[in-house]
PDB file of N, CA and C in Angstrom:
ATOM      1  N   MET A   1      35.494 225.024  -6.259  1.00  0.00           N
ATOM      2  CA  MET A   1      35.272 224.279  -7.442  1.00  0.00           C
ATOM      3  C   MET A   1      36.320 222.988  -7.154  1.00  0.00           C
ATOM      4  N   LEU A   2      35.680 221.979  -7.613  1.00  0.00           N
ATOM      5  CA  LEU A   2      36.793 220.862  -7.610  1.00  0.00           C
ATOM      6  C   LEU A   2      37.298 220.654  -9.075  1.00  0.00           C
ATOM      7  N   LEU A   3      38.661 220.396  -9.137  1.00  0.00           N
ATOM      8  CA  LEU A   3      39.350 220.079 -10.347  1.00  0.00           C
ATOM      9  C   LEU A   3      39.660 218.532 -10.150  1.00  0.00           C
ATOM     10  N   VAL A   4      39.353 217.813 -11.221  1.00  0.00           N
ATOM     11  CA  VAL A   4      39.761 216.247 -11.256  1.00  0.00           C
ATOM     12  C   VAL A   4      40.773 216.330 -12.372  1.00  0.00           C
ATOM     13  N   LEU A   5      41.718 215.828 -11.953  1.00  0.00           N
ATOM     14  CA  LEU A   5      42.925 215.559 -13.033  1.00  0.00           C
ATOM     15  C   LEU A   5      43.116 214.285 -13.370  1.00  0.00           C
ATOM     16  N   ILE A   6      42.948 213.838 -14.732  1.00  0.00           N
ATOM     17  CA  ILE A   6      43.233 212.445 -15.202  1.00  0.00           C
ATOM     18  C   ILE A   6      44.585 212.872 -16.116  1.00  0.00           C
ATOM     19  N   ILE A   7      45.563 212.936 -15.619  1.00  0.00           N
ATOM     20  CA  ILE A   7      46.927 213.207 -16.652  1.00  0.00           C
ATOM     21  C   ILE A   7      47.894 211.800 -16.362  1.00  0.00           C
ATOM     22  N   HIS A   8      48.229 211.336 -17.253  1.00  0.00           N
ATOM     23  CA  HIS A   8      49.101 210.068 -16.992  1.00  0.00           C
ATOM     24  C   HIS A   8      50.641 210.287 -17.069  1.00  0.00           C
ATOM     25  N   GLU A   9      50.996 211.572 -17.406  1.00  0.00           N
ATOM     26  CA  GLU A   9      52.437 211.886 -17.336  1.00  0.00           C
ATOM     27  C   GLU A   9      52.538 212.399 -15.848  1.00  0.00           C
ATOM     28  N   ALA A  10      53.458 211.509 -15.286  1.00  0.00           N
ATOM     29  CA  ALA A  10      53.573 211.802 -13.681  1.00  0.00           C
ATOM     30  C   ALA A  10      54.311 213.137 -13.401  1.00  0.00           C
ATOM     31  N   GLY A  11      55.193 213.731 -14.229  1.00  0.00           N
ATOM     32  CA  GLY A  11      55.761 214.912 -13.948  1.00  0.00           C
ATOM     33  C   GLY A  11      54.973 216.238 -14.090  1.00  0.00           C
ATOM     34  N   LEU A  12      53.948 215.891 -15.327  1.00  0.00           N
ATOM     35  CA  LEU A  12      52.973 217.167 -15.424  1.00  0.00           C
ATOM     36  C   LEU A  12      51.962 216.968 -14.424  1.00  0.00           C
ATOM     37  N   ARG A  13      51.415 215.833 -13.870  1.00  0.00           N
ATOM     38  CA  ARG A  13      50.420 215.649 -12.918  1.00  0.00           C
ATOM     39  C   ARG A  13      50.934 216.157 -11.773  1.00  0.00           C
ATOM     40  N   SER A  14      52.102 215.835 -11.364  1.00  0.00           N
ATOM     41  CA  SER A  14      52.525 216.267  -9.994  1.00  0.00           C
ATOM     42  C   SER A  14      52.905 217.721  -9.992  1.00  0.00           C
ATOM     43  N   SER A  15      53.229 218.521 -10.948  1.00  0.00           N
ATOM     44  CA  SER A  15      53.359 219.877 -11.269  1.00  0.00           C
ATOM     45  C   SER A  15      52.042 220.678 -10.980  1.00  0.00           C
ATOM     46  N   LEU A  16      51.113 220.108 -11.689  1.00  0.00           N
ATOM     47  CA  LEU A  16      49.897 220.770 -11.707  1.00  0.00           C
ATOM     48  C   LEU A  16      49.332 220.539 -10.115  1.00  0.00           C
ATOM     49  N   VAL A  17      49.365 219.556  -9.720  1.00  0.00           N
ATOM     50  CA  VAL A  17      48.850 219.120  -8.226  1.00  0.00           C
ATOM     51  C   VAL A  17      49.292 220.310  -7.318  1.00  0.00           C
ATOM     52  N   ALA A  18      51.007 220.664  -7.396  1.00  0.00           N
ATOM     53  CA  ALA A  18      51.391 221.326  -6.449  1.00  0.00           C
ATOM     54  C   ALA A  18      51.142 222.634  -6.713  1.00  0.00           C
ATOM     55  N   GLN A  19      51.088 223.245  -7.886  1.00  0.00           N
ATOM     56  CA  GLN A  19      50.636 224.553  -8.374  1.00  0.00           C
ATOM     57  C   GLN A  19      49.486 225.116  -8.071  1.00  0.00           C
ATOM     58  N   LEU A  20      48.415 224.130  -8.536  1.00  0.00           N
ATOM     59  CA  LEU A  20      47.117 224.319  -8.198  1.00  0.00           C
ATOM     60  C   LEU A  20      46.716 224.653  -6.722  1.00  0.00           C
ATOM     61  N   SER A  21      47.258 223.524  -5.841  1.00  0.00           N
ATOM     62  CA  SER A  21      47.083 223.264  -4.575  1.00  0.00           C
ATOM     63  C   SER A  21      47.440 224.443  -3.862  1.00  0.00           C
ATOM     64  N   LEU A  22      48.691 224.837  -4.267  1.00  0.00           N
ATOM     65  CA  LEU A  22      49.301 226.305  -3.575  1.00  0.00           C
ATOM     66  C   LEU A  22      48.489 227.482  -4.009  1.00  0.00           C
ATOM     67  N   ALA A  23      47.709 227.438  -5.127  1.00  0.00           N
ATOM     68  CA  ALA A  23      46.808 228.466  -5.529  1.00  0.00           C
ATOM     69  C   ALA A  23      45.502 228.217  -4.745  1.00  0.00           C
ATOM     70  N   GLY A  24      45.246 227.380  -4.285  1.00  0.00           N
ATOM     71  CA  GLY A  24      44.024 227.286  -3.284  1.00  0.00           C
ATOM     72  C   GLY A  24      42.767 226.310  -4.088  1.00  0.00           C
ATOM     73  N   ALA A  25      43.158 225.656  -4.938  1.00  0.00           N
ATOM     74  CA  ALA A  25      42.557 224.789  -5.675  1.00  0.00           C
ATOM     75  C   ALA A  25      42.049 223.564  -4.808  1.00  0.00           C
ATOM     76  N   SER A  26      40.823 222.689  -5.077  1.00  0.00           N
ATOM     77  CA  SER A  26      40.664 221.616  -4.492  1.00  0.00           C
ATOM     78  C   SER A  26      40.800 220.535  -5.575  1.00  0.00           C
ATOM     79  N   ILE A  27      41.566 219.561  -5.342  1.00  0.00           N
ATOM     80  CA  ILE A  27      42.103 218.735  -6.342  1.00  0.00           C
ATOM     81  C   ILE A  27      41.792 217.091  -6.002  1.00  0.00           C
ATOM     82  N   VAL A  28      41.319 216.499  -7.182  1.00  0.00           N
ATOM     83  CA  VAL A  28      41.413 215.009  -6.911  1.00  0.00           C
ATOM     84  C   VAL A  28      42.007 214.524  -8.319  1.00  0.00           C
ATOM     85  N   THR A  29      42.840 213.386  -8.000  1.00  0.00           N
ATOM     86  CA  THR A  29      43.459 213.018  -9.145  1.00  0.00           C
ATOM     87  C   THR A  29      42.883 211.127  -9.421  1.00  0.00           C
ATOM     88  N   ALA A  30      42.635 211.070 -10.494  1.00  0.00           N
ATOM     89  CA  ALA A  30      42.119 209.484 -11.169  1.00  0.00           C
ATOM     90  C   ALA A  30      42.732 209.102 -12.289  1.00  0.00           C
ATOM     91  N   LYS A  31      42.395 207.957 -12.435  1.00  0.00           N
ATOM     92  CA  LYS A  31      42.962 207.122 -13.553  1.00  0.00           C
ATOM     93  C   LYS A  31      41.993 207.094 -14.794  1.00  0.00           C
ATOM     94  N   ASP A  32      40.727 207.439 -14.385  1.00  0.00           N
ATOM     95  CA  ASP A  32      39.552 207.182 -15.523  1.00  0.00           C
ATOM     96  C   ASP A  32      38.446 207.785 -15.001  1.00  0.00           C
ATOM     97  N   VAL A  33      37.607 208.489 -16.014  1.00  0.00           N
ATOM     98  CA  VAL A  33      36.494 209.257 -15.381  1.00  0.00           C
ATOM     99  C   VAL A  33      35.486 208.333 -14.960  1.00  0.00           C
ATOM    100  N   ASP A  34      35.478 206.883 -15.009  1.00  0.00           N
ATOM    101  CA  ASP A  34      34.615 206.026 -14.588  1.00  0.00           C
ATOM    102  C   ASP A  34      35.132 205.205 -13.178  1.00  0.00           C
ATOM    103  N   ASP A  35      36.021 206.072 -12.683  1.00  0.00           N
ATOM    104  CA  ASP A  35      36.416 205.621 -11.400  1.00  0.00           C
ATOM    105  C   ASP A  35      35.279 205.592 -10.429  1.00  0.00           C
ATOM    106  N   PRO A  36      35.175 204.659  -9.591  1.00  0.00           N
ATOM    107  CA  PRO A  36      34.061 204.658  -8.569  1.00  0.00           C
ATOM    108  C   PRO A  36      34.201 205.966  -7.558  1.00  0.00           C
ATOM    109  N   MET A  37      35.575 206.056  -7.277  1.00  0.00           N
ATOM    110  CA  MET A  37      36.000 207.342  -6.441  1.00  0.00           C
ATOM    111  C   MET A  37      35.267 208.602  -6.785  1.00  0.00           C
ATOM    112  N   LEU A  38      35.261 208.831  -8.160  1.00  0.00           N
ATOM    113  CA  LEU A  38      34.843 210.163  -8.625  1.00  0.00           C
ATOM    114  C   LEU A  38      33.312 210.327  -8.515  1.00  0.00           C
ATOM    115  N   THR A  39      32.691 208.916  -8.725  1.00  0.00           N
ATOM    116  CA  THR A  39      31.203 208.950  -8.507  1.00  0.00           C
ATOM    117  C   THR A  39      30.930 209.424  -6.848  1.00  0.00           C
ATOM    118  N   ARG A  40      31.692 209.009  -5.916  1.00  0.00           N
ATOM    119  CA  ARG A  40      31.378 209.529  -4.716  1.00  0.00           C
ATOM    120  C   ARG A  40      31.828 210.944  -4.408  1.00  0.00           C
ATOM    121  N   SER A  41      32.907 211.377  -5.106  1.00  0.00           N
ATOM    122  CA  SER A  41      33.657 212.625  -4.741  1.00  0.00           C
ATOM    123  C   SER A  41      33.006 213.599  -5.660  1.00  0.00           C
ATOM    124  N   VAL A  42      32.730 213.582  -6.736  1.00  0.00           N
ATOM    125  CA  VAL A  42      32.053 214.756  -7.596  1.00  0.00           C
ATOM    126  C   VAL A  42      30.589 214.879  -7.496  1.00  0.00           C
ATOM    127  N   ARG A  43      30.115 215.717  -6.832  1.00  0.00           N
ATOM    128  CA  ARG A  43      28.726 216.062  -6.551  1.00  0.00           C
ATOM    129  C   ARG A  43      28.255 217.413  -6.986  1.00  0.00           C
ATOM    130  N   LYS A  44      29.019 218.269  -7.162  1.00  0.00           N
ATOM    131  CA  LYS A  44      28.872 219.503  -7.805  1.00  0.00           C
ATOM    132  C   LYS A  44      29.272 219.700  -9.079  1.00  0.00           C
ATOM    133  N   PRO A  45      29.040 220.440 -10.185  1.00  0.00           N
ATOM    134  CA  PRO A  45      29.877 220.601 -11.264  1.00  0.00           C
ATOM    135  C   PRO A  45      31.201 221.032 -11.159  1.00  0.00           C
ATOM    136  N   SER A  46      31.984 220.314 -11.748  1.00  0.00           N
ATOM    137  CA  SER A  46      33.558 220.320 -11.494  1.00  0.00           C
ATOM    138  C   SER A  46      34.317 220.537 -12.907  1.00  0.00           C
ATOM    139  N   ILE A  47      35.542 220.521 -12.809  1.00  0.00           N
ATOM    140  CA  ILE A  47      36.378 220.775 -13.776  1.00  0.00           C
ATOM    141  C   ILE A  47      37.121 219.500 -14.131  1.00  0.00           C
ATOM    142  N   LEU A  48      37.083 219.029 -15.397  1.00  0.00           N
ATOM    143  CA  LEU A  48      37.855 217.640 -15.469  1.00  0.00           C
ATOM    144  C   LEU A  48      39.063 218.076 -16.495  1.00  0.00           C
ATOM    145  N   VAL A  49      40.457 217.875 -16.074  1.00  0.00           N
ATOM    146  CA  VAL A  49      41.477 218.079 -16.721  1.00  0.00           C
ATOM    147  C   VAL A  49      42.131 216.815 -17.247  1.00  0.00           C
ATOM    148  N   LEU A  50      42.176 216.856 -18.516  1.00  0.00           N
ATOM    149  CA  LEU A  50      42.783 215.477 -19.049  1.00  0.00           C
ATOM    150  C   LEU A  50      43.945 215.876 -20.141  1.00  0.00           C
ATOM    151  N   ASP A  51      44.745 214.825 -20.155  1.00  0.00           N
ATOM    152  CA  ASP A  51      45.996 214.973 -20.940  1.00  0.00           C
ATOM    153  C   ASP A  51      45.545 214.301 -22.353  1.00  0.00           C
ATOM    154  N   HIS A  52      46.328 214.807 -23.240  1.00  0.00           N
ATOM    155  CA  HIS A  52      45.947 214.336 -24.709  1.00  0.00           C
ATOM    156  C   HIS A  52      46.236 212.781 -24.697  1.00  0.00           C
ATOM    157  N   GLU A  53      47.084 212.294 -24.166  1.00  0.00           N
ATOM    158  CA  GLU A  53      47.271 210.884 -24.338  1.00  0.00           C
ATOM    159  C   GLU A  53      46.179 210.048 -23.882  1.00  0.00           C
ATOM    160  N   PHE A  54      45.475 210.557 -22.691  1.00  0.00           N
ATOM    161  CA  PHE A  54      44.261 209.931 -22.376  1.00  0.00           C
ATOM    162  C   PHE A  54      42.846 210.175 -23.088  1.00  0.00           C
ATOM    163  N   VAL A  55      42.894 211.038 -23.691  1.00  0.00           N
ATOM    164  CA  VAL A  55      41.597 211.548 -24.720  1.00  0.00           C
ATOM    165  C   VAL A  55      42.018 210.874 -26.130  1.00  0.00           C
ATOM    166  N   ALA A  56      43.228 210.702 -26.344  1.00  0.00           N
ATOM    167  CA  ALA A  56      43.443 210.001 -27.858  1.00  0.00           C
ATOM    168  C   ALA A  56      43.047 208.478 -27.603  1.00  0.00           C
ATOM    169  N   ALA A  57      43.166 207.988 -26.578  1.00  0.00           N
ATOM    170  CA  ALA A  57      42.763 206.603 -26.368  1.00  0.00           C
ATOM    171  C   ALA A  57      41.539 206.072 -26.371  1.00  0.00           C
ATOM    172  N   GLN A  58      40.502 207.022 -26.237  1.00  0.00           N
ATOM    173  CA  GLN A  58      39.253 206.998 -26.094  1.00  0.00           C
ATOM    174  C   GLN A  58      38.361 206.831 -27.585  1.00  0.00           C
ATOM    175  N   GLN A  59      37.154 206.591 -27.285  1.00  0.00           N
ATOM    176  CA  GLN A  59      36.612 206.350 -28.829  1.00  0.00           C
ATOM    177  C   GLN A  59      35.985 207.639 -29.202  1.00  0.00           C
ATOM    178  N   ALA A  60      35.848 207.801 -30.423  1.00  0.00           N
ATOM    179  CA  ALA A  60      35.369 208.936 -31.289  1.00  0.00           C
ATOM    180  C   ALA A  60      34.030 209.508 -30.643  1.00  0.00           C
ATOM    181  N   GLY A  61      33.790 210.600 -30.154  1.00  0.00           N
ATOM    182  CA  GLY A  61      32.683 211.140 -29.765  1.00  0.00           C
ATOM    183  C   GLY A  61      32.687 211.041 -28.008  1.00  0.00           C
ATOM    184  N   TRP A  62      33.850 210.536 -27.643  1.00  0.00           N
ATOM    185  CA  TRP A  62      33.701 210.254 -26.316  1.00  0.00           C
ATOM    186  C   TRP A  62      33.764 211.623 -25.381  1.00  0.00           C
ATOM    187  N   LEU A  63      34.415 212.864 -25.947  1.00  0.00           N
ATOM    188  CA  LEU A  63      34.397 213.986 -25.175  1.00  0.00           C
ATOM    189  C   LEU A  63      32.900 214.495 -25.193  1.00  0.00           C
ATOM    190  N   ASP A  64      32.182 214.281 -26.003  1.00  0.00           N
ATOM    191  CA  ASP A  64      31.026 214.752 -26.227  1.00  0.00           C
ATOM    192  C   ASP A  64      30.088 214.405 -25.277  1.00  0.00           C
ATOM    193  N   ASP A  65      30.095 212.915 -24.922  1.00  0.00           N
ATOM    194  CA  ASP A  65      29.652 212.113 -24.018  1.00  0.00           C
ATOM    195  C   ASP A  65      29.925 212.519 -22.622  1.00  0.00           C
ATOM    196  N   VAL A  66      31.415 212.841 -22.468  1.00  0.00           N
ATOM    197  CA  VAL A  66      31.549 213.383 -21.118  1.00  0.00           C
ATOM    198  C   VAL A  66      31.031 214.723 -20.937  1.00  0.00           C
ATOM    199  N   LEU A  67      31.172 215.599 -21.879  1.00  0.00           N
ATOM    200  CA  LEU A  67      30.422 217.057 -21.596  1.00  0.00           C
ATOM    201  C   LEU A  67      28.920 216.960 -21.391  1.00  0.00           C
ATOM    202  N   ALA A  68      28.264 215.871 -21.656  1.00  0.00           N
ATOM    203  CA  ALA A  68      26.876 215.689 -21.583  1.00  0.00           C
ATOM    204  C   ALA A  68      26.744 215.496 -20.185  1.00  0.00           C
ATOM    205  N   GLU A  69      27.373 214.850 -19.547  1.00  0.00           N
ATOM    206  CA  GLU A  69      27.192 214.517 -17.895  1.00  0.00           C
ATOM    207  C   GLU A  69      27.373 215.826 -17.062  1.00  0.00           C
ATOM    208  N   PRO A  70      26.239 215.932 -16.355  1.00  0.00           N
ATOM    209  CA  PRO A  70      26.061 217.157 -15.472  1.00  0.00           C
ATOM    210  C   PRO A  70      27.150 217.402 -14.580  1.00  0.00           C
ATOM    211  N   ARG A  71      28.053 216.387 -14.351  1.00  0.00           N
ATOM    212  CA  ARG A  71      28.915 216.635 -12.984  1.00  0.00           C
ATOM    213  C   ARG A  71      30.100 217.496 -13.480  1.00  0.00           C
ATOM    214  N   TRP A  72      30.238 217.769 -14.992  1.00  0.00           N
ATOM    215  CA  TRP A  72      31.362 218.477 -15.513  1.00  0.00           C
ATOM    216  C   TRP A  72      30.941 219.735 -16.122  1.00  0.00           C
ATOM    217  N   ASN A  73      31.506 220.731 -15.313  1.00  0.00           N
ATOM    218  CA  ASN A  73      31.140 222.127 -15.747  1.00  0.00           C
ATOM    219  C   ASN A  73      32.114 222.549 -16.907  1.00  0.00           C
ATOM    220  N   ARG A  74      33.411 222.123 -16.943  1.00  0.00           N
ATOM    221  CA  ARG A  74      34.310 222.309 -17.869  1.00  0.00           C
ATOM    222  C   ARG A  74      35.245 221.382 -18.129  1.00  0.00           C
ATOM    223  N   LEU A  75      35.621 220.868 -19.579  1.00  0.00           N
ATOM    224  CA  LEU A  75      36.656 219.959 -19.695  1.00  0.00           C
ATOM    225  C   LEU A  75      38.077 220.819 -20.207  1.00  0.00           C
ATOM    226  N   VAL A  76      39.094 220.533 -19.844  1.00  0.00           N
ATOM    227  CA  VAL A  76      40.296 220.985 -20.129  1.00  0.00           C
ATOM    228  C   VAL A  76      41.394 220.050 -20.614  1.00  0.00           C
ATOM    229  N   VAL A  77      41.617 219.996 -22.087  1.00  0.00           N
ATOM    230  CA  VAL A  77      42.481 219.126 -22.398  1.00  0.00           C
ATOM    231  C   VAL A  77      43.984 219.772 -22.732  1.00  0.00           C
ATOM    232  N   LEU A  78      44.908 218.951 -22.182  1.00  0.00           N
ATOM    233  CA  LEU A  78      46.223 219.783 -22.128  1.00  0.00           C
ATOM    234  C   LEU A  78      47.015 219.037 -23.212  1.00  0.00           C
ATOM    235  N   ASP A  79      47.745 219.974 -23.776  1.00  0.00           N
ATOM    236  CA  ASP A  79      48.600 219.518 -25.138  1.00  0.00           C
ATOM    237  C   ASP A  79      47.924 218.529 -26.287  1.00  0.00           C
ATOM    238  N   GLY A  80      46.606 219.052 -26.416  1.00  0.00           N
ATOM    239  CA  GLY A  80      45.744 218.536 -27.411  1.00  0.00           C
ATOM    240  C   GLY A  80      44.819 219.391 -28.147  1.00  0.00           C
ATOM    241  N   PRO A  81      45.605 220.313 -28.802  1.00  0.00           N
ATOM    242  CA  PRO A  81      44.703 221.466 -29.584  1.00  0.00           C
ATOM    243  C   PRO A  81      43.459 221.038 -30.411  1.00  0.00           C
ATOM    244  N   ALA A  82      43.506 219.963 -31.056  1.00  0.00           N
ATOM    245  CA  ALA A  82      42.585 219.595 -32.045  1.00  0.00           C
ATOM    246  C   ALA A  82      41.630 218.309 -31.071  1.00  0.00           C
ATOM    247  N   ASP A  83      41.894 218.142 -29.915  1.00  0.00           N
ATOM    248  CA  ASP A  83      40.718 217.425 -29.265  1.00  0.00           C
ATOM    249  C   ASP A  83      39.367 217.593 -29.022  1.00  0.00           C
ATOM    250  N   CYS A  84      39.253 219.058 -28.693  1.00  0.00           N
ATOM    251  CA  CYS A  84      37.901 219.484 -28.253  1.00  0.00           C
ATOM    252  C   CYS A  84      37.074 219.549 -29.307  1.00  0.00           C
ATOM    253  N   PRO A  85      35.832 218.910 -29.134  1.00  0.00           N
ATOM    254  CA  PRO A  85      34.820 219.353 -29.781  1.00  0.00           C
ATOM    255  C   PRO A  85      34.344 220.657 -30.144  1.00  0.00           C
ATOM    256  N   ALA A  86      33.384 221.023 -30.893  1.00  0.00           N
ATOM    257  CA  ALA A  86      32.776 222.428 -30.991  1.00  0.00           C
ATOM    258  C   ALA A  86      32.150 222.694 -29.632  1.00  0.00           C
ATOM    259  N   ASP A  87      32.450 223.005 -28.492  1.00  0.00           N
ATOM    260  CA  ASP A  87      31.724 223.123 -27.592  1.00  0.00           C
ATOM    261  C   ASP A  87      32.567 224.219 -26.727  1.00  0.00           C
ATOM    262  N   PRO A  88      31.914 225.340 -26.197  1.00  0.00           N
ATOM    263  CA  PRO A  88      32.798 226.250 -25.628  1.00  0.00           C
ATOM    264  C   PRO A  88      33.380 226.087 -24.059  1.00  0.00           C
ATOM    265  N   ARG A  89      32.773 224.719 -23.515  1.00  0.00           N
ATOM    266  CA  ARG A  89      32.994 224.356 -22.196  1.00  0.00           C
ATOM    267  C   ARG A  89      34.405 223.416 -22.433  1.00  0.00           C
ATOM    268  N   CYS A  90      34.624 223.026 -23.483  1.00  0.00           N
ATOM    269  CA  CYS A  90      35.923 222.243 -23.843  1.00  0.00           C
ATOM    270  C   CYS A  90      37.100 223.328 -24.110  1.00  0.00           C
ATOM    271  N   ILE A  91      38.111 223.435 -23.532  1.00  0.00           N
ATOM    272  CA  ILE A  91      39.092 224.070 -23.455  1.00  0.00           C
ATOM    273  C   ILE A  91      40.583 223.331 -23.826  1.00  0.00           C
ATOM    274  N   ALA A  92      41.331 223.927 -24.661  1.00  0.00           N
ATOM    275  CA  ALA A  92      42.663 223.085 -24.875  1.00  0.00           C
ATOM    276  C   ALA A  92      43.653 224.272 -24.441  1.00  0.00           C
ATOM    277  N   LEU A  93      44.639 223.488 -23.567  1.00  0.00           N
ATOM    278  CA  LEU A  93      45.659 224.432 -23.108  1.00  0.00           C
ATOM    279  C   LEU A  93      46.898 223.593 -23.446  1.00  0.00           C
ATOM    280  N   ASP A  94      47.976 224.563 -23.289  1.00  0.00           N
ATOM    281  CA  ASP A  94      49.358 223.916 -23.345  1.00  0.00           C
ATOM    282  C   ASP A  94      49.748 223.470 -21.876  1.00  0.00           C
ATOM    283  N   GLY A  95      50.046 222.273 -21.885  1.00  0.00           N
ATOM    284  CA  GLY A  95      50.417 221.886 -20.492  1.00  0.00           C
ATOM    285  C   GLY A  95      51.265 222.663 -19.657  1.00  0.00           C
ATOM    286  N   LYS A  96      52.263 223.268 -20.207  1.00  0.00           N
ATOM    287  CA  LYS A  96      53.537 223.999 -19.610  1.00  0.00           C
ATOM    288  C   LYS A  96      52.921 225.030 -18.761  1.00  0.00           C
ATOM    289  N   ASN A  97      51.628 225.717 -19.294  1.00  0.00           N
ATOM    290  CA  ASN A  97      51.243 227.072 -18.368  1.00  0.00           C
ATOM    291  C   ASN A  97      49.773 226.823 -18.198  1.00  0.00           C
ATOM    292  N   ALA A  98      49.474 225.407 -17.942  1.00  0.00           N
ATOM    293  CA  ALA A  98      47.881 225.071 -17.563  1.00  0.00           C
ATOM    294  C   ALA A  98      47.651 225.664 -16.300  1.00  0.00           C
ATOM    295  N   ALA A  99      48.575 225.337 -15.345  1.00  0.00           N
ATOM    296  CA  ALA A  99      48.176 225.886 -13.840  1.00  0.00           C
ATOM    297  C   ALA A  99      47.593 227.294 -13.915  1.00  0.00           C
ATOM    298  N   ALA A 100      48.525 228.322 -14.430  1.00  0.00           N
ATOM    299  CA  ALA A 100      48.170 229.837 -14.385  1.00  0.00           C
ATOM    300  C   ALA A 100      46.908 230.003 -15.229  1.00  0.00           C
ATOM    301  N   SER A 101      46.924 229.140 -16.360  1.00  0.00           N
ATOM    302  CA  SER A 101      45.562 229.262 -17.166  1.00  0.00           C
ATOM    303  C   SER A 101      44.351 228.799 -16.536  1.00  0.00           C
ATOM    304  N   ILE A 102      44.378 227.887 -15.658  1.00  0.00           N
ATOM    305  CA  ILE A 102      43.251 227.408 -15.157  1.00  0.00           C
ATOM    306  C   ILE A 102      42.839 228.215 -13.832  1.00  0.00           C
ATOM    307  N   MET A 103      43.868 228.635 -13.264  1.00  0.00           N
ATOM    308  CA  MET A 103      43.493 229.606 -11.903  1.00  0.00           C
ATOM    309  C   MET A 103      42.928 230.896 -12.549  1.00  0.00           C
ATOM    310  N   ALA A 104      43.574 231.470 -13.648  1.00  0.00           N
ATOM    311  CA  ALA A 104      42.864 232.607 -13.928  1.00  0.00           C
ATOM    312  C   ALA A 104      41.461 232.632 -14.539  1.00  0.00           C
ATOM    313  N   SER A 105      41.187 231.284 -15.152  1.00  0.00           N
ATOM    314  CA  SER A 105      39.808 231.078 -15.538  1.00  0.00           C
ATOM    315  C   SER A 105      38.933 230.727 -14.584  1.00  0.00           C
ATOM    316  N   MET A 106      39.212 230.408 -13.419  1.00  0.00           N
ATOM    317  CA  MET A 106      38.335 229.519 -12.541  1.00  0.00           C
ATOM    318  C   MET A 106      37.180 230.710 -11.977  1.00  0.00           C
ATOM    319  N   PRO A 107      37.657 231.859 -11.695  1.00  0.00           N
ATOM    320  CA  PRO A 107      36.656 232.837 -11.282  1.00  0.00           C
ATOM    321  C   PRO A 107      35.534 233.087 -12.084  1.00  0.00           C
ATOM    322  N   GLY A 108      35.538 233.009 -13.290  1.00  0.00           N
ATOM    323  CA  GLY A 108      34.759 233.147 -14.478  1.00  0.00           C
ATOM    324  C   GLY A 108      33.867 231.997 -14.748  1.00  0.00           C
ATOM    325  N   TRP A 109      34.508 230.838 -14.361  1.00  0.00           N
ATOM    326  CA  TRP A 109      33.709 229.649 -14.611  1.00  0.00           C
ATOM    327  C   TRP A 109      32.762 229.591 -13.083  1.00  0.00           C
ATOM    328  N   LYS A 110      33.330 229.644 -12.004  1.00  0.00           N
ATOM    329  CA  LYS A 110      32.448 229.859 -10.933  1.00  0.00           C
ATOM    330  C   LYS A 110      31.423 230.804 -11.090  1.00  0.00           C
ATOM    331  N   ALA A 111      31.440 231.912 -11.708  1.00  0.00           N
ATOM    332  CA  ALA A 111      30.582 233.037 -11.747  1.00  0.00           C
ATOM    333  C   ALA A 111      29.510 232.478 -12.848  1.00  0.00           C
ATOM    334  N   GLN A 112      29.910 231.788 -13.857  1.00  0.00           N
ATOM    335  CA  GLN A 112      28.738 231.269 -14.856  1.00  0.00           C
ATOM    336  C   GLN A 112      27.966 230.072 -14.051  1.00  0.00           C
ATOM    337  N   LEU A 113      28.333 229.572 -13.010  1.00  0.00           N
ATOM    338  CA  LEU A 113      27.685 228.391 -12.424  1.00  0.00           C
ATOM    339  C   LEU A 113      26.711 229.042 -11.637  1.00  0.00           C
ATOM    340  N   VAL A 114      26.984 230.395 -11.021  1.00  0.00           N
ATOM    341  CA  VAL A 114      25.982 231.001 -10.334  1.00  0.00           C
ATOM    342  C   VAL A 114      24.956 231.671 -11.187  1.00  0.00           C
ATOM    343  N   ALA A 115      25.380 232.185 -12.200  1.00  0.00           N
ATOM    344  CA  ALA A 115      24.506 233.092 -12.910  1.00  0.00           C
ATOM    345  C   ALA A 115      23.233 232.126 -13.684  1.00  0.00           C
TER     346      ALA A 115
END
């Protein structure tokens, strides 16, 4: 399963890329969900990992629109506990423990895709 990271804080982004890559995750980083590279790269439902800073800069209802796109299986919002709409596919995580939480959740997310 592909993880797409849109995280503006360089330290957090680098840390997540390193930890998740070592754990075997496939990762793409981008600056925006409308990046043309994502259109080419994301062919199967993937996990979109965003930071609160990015989400806060978007219009109201933006996360609902993103969740409606079939290319996203899950949205993970780091350090923004109130950002997620009332949708179980949107998960808010603490950035400090995000890599471990994401890796622990991925088998269940994959199983739900198959079911």
